[in-house]
N, C-alpha and C. Protein backbone atom coordinates (compact mmCIF):
# COMPACT_ATOMS: atom_id res chain seq x y z
N MET A 1 -30.45 -109.65 -174.40
CA MET A 1 -31.64 -110.46 -174.55
C MET A 1 -31.23 -111.91 -174.80
N THR A 2 -31.63 -112.80 -173.92
CA THR A 2 -31.34 -114.21 -174.10
C THR A 2 -32.41 -114.80 -175.01
N THR A 3 -31.96 -115.47 -176.06
CA THR A 3 -32.93 -116.04 -176.99
C THR A 3 -32.75 -117.54 -177.17
N SER A 4 -32.05 -118.18 -176.27
CA SER A 4 -31.93 -119.63 -176.36
C SER A 4 -32.56 -120.24 -175.12
N HIS A 5 -33.31 -121.28 -175.33
CA HIS A 5 -34.01 -121.92 -174.23
C HIS A 5 -33.05 -122.82 -173.47
N PRO A 6 -33.09 -122.78 -172.15
CA PRO A 6 -32.16 -123.58 -171.35
C PRO A 6 -32.25 -125.08 -171.60
N SER A 7 -33.39 -125.55 -172.07
CA SER A 7 -33.54 -126.99 -172.31
C SER A 7 -32.73 -127.45 -173.51
N GLY A 8 -32.35 -126.51 -174.37
CA GLY A 8 -31.62 -126.88 -175.58
C GLY A 8 -32.54 -127.36 -176.69
N ASP A 9 -33.85 -127.31 -176.48
CA ASP A 9 -34.83 -127.74 -177.48
C ASP A 9 -34.73 -126.83 -178.70
N GLU A 10 -34.38 -127.40 -179.83
CA GLU A 10 -34.16 -126.63 -181.06
C GLU A 10 -35.44 -125.98 -181.59
N ARG A 11 -36.59 -126.47 -181.18
CA ARG A 11 -37.84 -125.89 -181.67
C ARG A 11 -38.01 -124.44 -181.21
N TYR A 12 -37.38 -124.11 -180.10
CA TYR A 12 -37.46 -122.73 -179.61
C TYR A 12 -36.78 -121.76 -180.57
N ALA A 13 -35.87 -122.24 -181.40
CA ALA A 13 -35.18 -121.38 -182.37
C ALA A 13 -36.17 -120.76 -183.35
N ALA A 14 -37.20 -121.49 -183.73
CA ALA A 14 -38.22 -120.95 -184.64
C ALA A 14 -38.97 -119.79 -183.99
N ILE A 15 -39.27 -119.95 -182.71
CA ILE A 15 -39.95 -118.88 -181.98
C ILE A 15 -39.02 -117.68 -181.84
N ASP A 16 -37.77 -117.95 -181.53
CA ASP A 16 -36.78 -116.87 -181.41
C ASP A 16 -36.65 -116.09 -182.70
N ARG A 17 -36.64 -116.80 -183.83
CA ARG A 17 -36.53 -116.12 -185.13
C ARG A 17 -37.74 -115.20 -185.38
N THR A 18 -38.92 -115.68 -185.02
CA THR A 18 -40.12 -114.86 -185.20
C THR A 18 -40.05 -113.62 -184.32
N MET A 19 -39.66 -113.79 -183.07
CA MET A 19 -39.56 -112.64 -182.17
C MET A 19 -38.51 -111.65 -182.67
N LYS A 20 -37.40 -112.17 -183.16
CA LYS A 20 -36.34 -111.30 -183.68
C LYS A 20 -36.83 -110.54 -184.91
N ARG A 21 -37.55 -111.24 -185.80
CA ARG A 21 -38.07 -110.60 -187.01
C ARG A 21 -38.98 -109.42 -186.67
N PHE A 22 -39.73 -109.55 -185.59
CA PHE A 22 -40.64 -108.49 -185.15
C PHE A 22 -40.01 -107.60 -184.07
N LYS A 23 -38.71 -107.73 -183.88
CA LYS A 23 -37.93 -106.89 -182.96
C LYS A 23 -38.47 -106.94 -181.53
N TYR A 24 -38.95 -108.10 -181.13
CA TYR A 24 -39.45 -108.34 -179.78
C TYR A 24 -40.56 -107.36 -179.38
N GLU A 25 -41.29 -106.86 -180.37
CA GLU A 25 -42.41 -105.95 -180.10
C GLU A 25 -43.55 -106.73 -179.46
N LYS A 26 -44.19 -106.12 -178.51
CA LYS A 26 -45.32 -106.75 -177.83
C LYS A 26 -46.47 -107.05 -178.80
N ASP A 27 -46.59 -106.22 -179.84
CA ASP A 27 -47.66 -106.40 -180.81
C ASP A 27 -47.49 -107.66 -181.66
N ALA A 28 -46.35 -108.30 -181.56
CA ALA A 28 -46.08 -109.51 -182.33
C ALA A 28 -46.61 -110.77 -181.64
N LEU A 29 -47.30 -110.60 -180.53
CA LEU A 29 -47.72 -111.76 -179.73
C LEU A 29 -48.50 -112.79 -180.55
N LEU A 30 -49.47 -112.38 -181.33
CA LEU A 30 -50.25 -113.35 -182.12
C LEU A 30 -49.37 -114.12 -183.09
N GLU A 31 -48.47 -113.44 -183.75
CA GLU A 31 -47.58 -114.10 -184.70
C GLU A 31 -46.66 -115.09 -183.98
N VAL A 32 -46.16 -114.70 -182.81
CA VAL A 32 -45.28 -115.58 -182.03
C VAL A 32 -46.06 -116.80 -181.55
N LEU A 33 -47.28 -116.59 -181.06
CA LEU A 33 -48.10 -117.72 -180.63
C LEU A 33 -48.41 -118.65 -181.80
N ASN A 34 -48.67 -118.09 -182.95
CA ASN A 34 -48.94 -118.90 -184.14
C ASN A 34 -47.72 -119.75 -184.50
N THR A 35 -46.54 -119.14 -184.48
CA THR A 35 -45.31 -119.89 -184.75
C THR A 35 -45.12 -121.00 -183.73
N ALA A 36 -45.37 -120.69 -182.47
CA ALA A 36 -45.22 -121.69 -181.41
C ALA A 36 -46.20 -122.85 -181.62
N GLN A 37 -47.44 -122.52 -181.97
CA GLN A 37 -48.46 -123.56 -182.22
C GLN A 37 -48.04 -124.45 -183.38
N GLU A 38 -47.57 -123.84 -184.46
CA GLU A 38 -47.15 -124.62 -185.63
C GLU A 38 -45.93 -125.48 -185.32
N THR A 39 -45.02 -124.97 -184.52
CA THR A 39 -43.77 -125.67 -184.23
C THR A 39 -43.96 -126.80 -183.22
N PHE A 40 -44.70 -126.52 -182.15
CA PHE A 40 -44.86 -127.50 -181.07
C PHE A 40 -46.13 -128.33 -181.20
N GLY A 41 -47.13 -127.81 -181.91
CA GLY A 41 -48.39 -128.51 -182.03
C GLY A 41 -49.37 -128.17 -180.92
N TYR A 42 -48.91 -127.51 -179.88
CA TYR A 42 -49.74 -127.08 -178.76
C TYR A 42 -48.96 -126.02 -177.98
N LEU A 43 -49.66 -125.32 -177.10
CA LEU A 43 -49.02 -124.28 -176.30
C LEU A 43 -48.99 -124.72 -174.84
N SER A 44 -47.84 -125.16 -174.40
CA SER A 44 -47.70 -125.59 -173.01
C SER A 44 -47.50 -124.38 -172.10
N GLN A 45 -47.66 -124.60 -170.81
CA GLN A 45 -47.45 -123.53 -169.84
C GLN A 45 -46.01 -123.02 -169.92
N ASP A 46 -45.04 -123.92 -170.03
CA ASP A 46 -43.64 -123.52 -170.13
C ASP A 46 -43.40 -122.65 -171.35
N LEU A 47 -44.04 -122.99 -172.44
CA LEU A 47 -43.90 -122.22 -173.68
C LEU A 47 -44.50 -120.83 -173.53
N LEU A 48 -45.65 -120.73 -172.89
CA LEU A 48 -46.27 -119.42 -172.66
C LEU A 48 -45.41 -118.56 -171.74
N ILE A 49 -44.82 -119.17 -170.74
CA ILE A 49 -43.92 -118.44 -169.84
C ILE A 49 -42.72 -117.92 -170.61
N TYR A 50 -42.14 -118.76 -171.45
CA TYR A 50 -40.98 -118.36 -172.26
C TYR A 50 -41.33 -117.16 -173.14
N ILE A 51 -42.46 -117.23 -173.81
CA ILE A 51 -42.89 -116.14 -174.70
C ILE A 51 -43.12 -114.86 -173.90
N ALA A 52 -43.79 -114.98 -172.77
CA ALA A 52 -44.04 -113.81 -171.92
C ALA A 52 -42.73 -113.15 -171.48
N GLU A 53 -41.78 -113.96 -171.06
CA GLU A 53 -40.50 -113.42 -170.61
C GLU A 53 -39.75 -112.74 -171.75
N GLN A 54 -39.73 -113.36 -172.92
CA GLN A 54 -38.98 -112.81 -174.05
C GLN A 54 -39.61 -111.53 -174.58
N LEU A 55 -40.93 -111.45 -174.58
CA LEU A 55 -41.61 -110.25 -175.08
C LEU A 55 -41.85 -109.22 -173.97
N LYS A 56 -41.42 -109.57 -172.76
CA LYS A 56 -41.61 -108.69 -171.59
C LYS A 56 -43.09 -108.32 -171.40
N LEU A 57 -43.90 -109.35 -171.44
CA LEU A 57 -45.34 -109.21 -171.23
C LEU A 57 -45.75 -109.95 -169.97
N PRO A 58 -46.81 -109.51 -169.30
CA PRO A 58 -47.32 -110.28 -168.18
C PRO A 58 -47.83 -111.64 -168.68
N LEU A 59 -47.57 -112.68 -167.93
CA LEU A 59 -48.01 -114.02 -168.32
C LEU A 59 -49.52 -114.06 -168.53
N ILE A 60 -50.26 -113.34 -167.71
CA ILE A 60 -51.72 -113.36 -167.83
C ILE A 60 -52.18 -112.82 -169.19
N ARG A 61 -51.45 -111.88 -169.74
CA ARG A 61 -51.81 -111.36 -171.08
C ARG A 61 -51.56 -112.42 -172.15
N VAL A 62 -50.41 -113.08 -172.07
CA VAL A 62 -50.09 -114.13 -173.04
C VAL A 62 -51.10 -115.27 -172.91
N TYR A 63 -51.38 -115.67 -171.69
CA TYR A 63 -52.35 -116.74 -171.45
C TYR A 63 -53.74 -116.33 -171.95
N GLY A 64 -54.13 -115.08 -171.68
CA GLY A 64 -55.43 -114.60 -172.12
C GLY A 64 -55.60 -114.64 -173.62
N VAL A 65 -54.58 -114.21 -174.34
CA VAL A 65 -54.64 -114.24 -175.81
C VAL A 65 -54.66 -115.68 -176.31
N ALA A 66 -53.82 -116.52 -175.71
CA ALA A 66 -53.73 -117.92 -176.15
C ALA A 66 -55.04 -118.67 -175.91
N THR A 67 -55.76 -118.34 -174.87
CA THR A 67 -57.01 -119.05 -174.58
C THR A 67 -58.22 -118.40 -175.24
N PHE A 68 -58.11 -117.16 -175.66
CA PHE A 68 -59.22 -116.48 -176.31
C PHE A 68 -59.45 -117.01 -177.72
N TYR A 69 -58.37 -117.21 -178.46
CA TYR A 69 -58.49 -117.64 -179.84
C TYR A 69 -58.58 -119.17 -179.93
N HIS A 70 -59.59 -119.65 -180.63
CA HIS A 70 -59.82 -121.10 -180.73
C HIS A 70 -58.76 -121.82 -181.56
N MET A 71 -57.98 -121.08 -182.33
CA MET A 71 -56.96 -121.73 -183.15
C MET A 71 -55.78 -122.23 -182.33
N PHE A 72 -55.66 -121.74 -181.09
CA PHE A 72 -54.56 -122.17 -180.23
C PHE A 72 -55.04 -123.25 -179.27
N THR A 73 -54.18 -124.28 -179.10
CA THR A 73 -54.52 -125.36 -178.18
C THR A 73 -53.42 -125.57 -177.17
């Protein structure tokens, strides 16, 4: 499992730690999105793709959850 982002952006390390803490379980999606929101301040398309790939989830599911909850921007 690759857990480092190719861009070298250190902020991804916080997301990686959250995913690792939850053992990359798909049910951790909300917690991972929350960490990403707190770390980056917003959820970009690249960030959603990264999360989907790491949690082995379809991008549409990650996007759907991210856009359903008003706390995510």
